[in-house]
Amino acid sequence: MPVPVLSDADRDKLDRSDDALFYADPRFVHHLDASFRARLTSLYRERIPPCAVVLDLMSSWVSHLPEELSNQEVIGHGLNAEELAANPRFDRHWVQNLNTEQDLPLADNSVDVALIVAGWQYLQQPEAVAAELLRVVRPRGEVIVAFSNRMFFQKAPQIWTEGGDRDHLATVAKVLLAQGWSKPQLLAEETPAPGVLGWIGGKGDPFFAVIAAKAE
């Protein structure tokens, strides 16, 4: 059973309607700027081994994986079937609302790396999702949770909307630790603004990531 970390109030959100309704129409846009996406791809290049089975949870039409990275399989999950079908990196995918059903349709110890980008901030039951990821990731495999300071405010639980960037890092780490993941590595980095603004010191979307491993 998942170990509770959040309170009932922490899980509440302004828009309590079914998330599937909010994501019913595809959004073929980038929610994070080019500098954030480049840093994310660089991190994946560092952390994802070749020939890995990769689970891209809470994904969309793009996975930010390095072009040169050769994977055994990339499995996609999200809430919009059209976006998932348009993602060229997926070998297979499925649609599931993780706020109503957290059990993942994957075998134990079947995934090398699990990724969540700009999605954790919408989880109302992150403990159960973290526990499921621990089940499906192989020993010594990793989970990489990345996010910035953007969100659909009305769809994010109270613990996210009322916290700052450091609070978000701490919350993700605390939930993962409680479910049995190793002590996470935390990344908090500035990125340059894309284009000319970056040349004169402008800042892009800040980059945050939490990386944890499953014990052997």
Foldseek 3Di string as FASTA:
>chain_A
DFDDDDDPQQLDFQDPDDVLVVCADADPDDPFDPQQLVVVQVVLVVAPDAQFEEEEEQDFQEDSHDPPGHYVAYEYEHSYPVRVVNRPRHPYYDYDDCQVPQADPAAFQAGQEYEYEQPPQQHSCVRSNLLNVLGRHHAFGKYKYKYFLDDPRRRGGPQNNVDDPVSVQVVNQVSNVSNQWDRKDKDWAWTADPDPRSVVPHTGTIMIMIMTGHHD
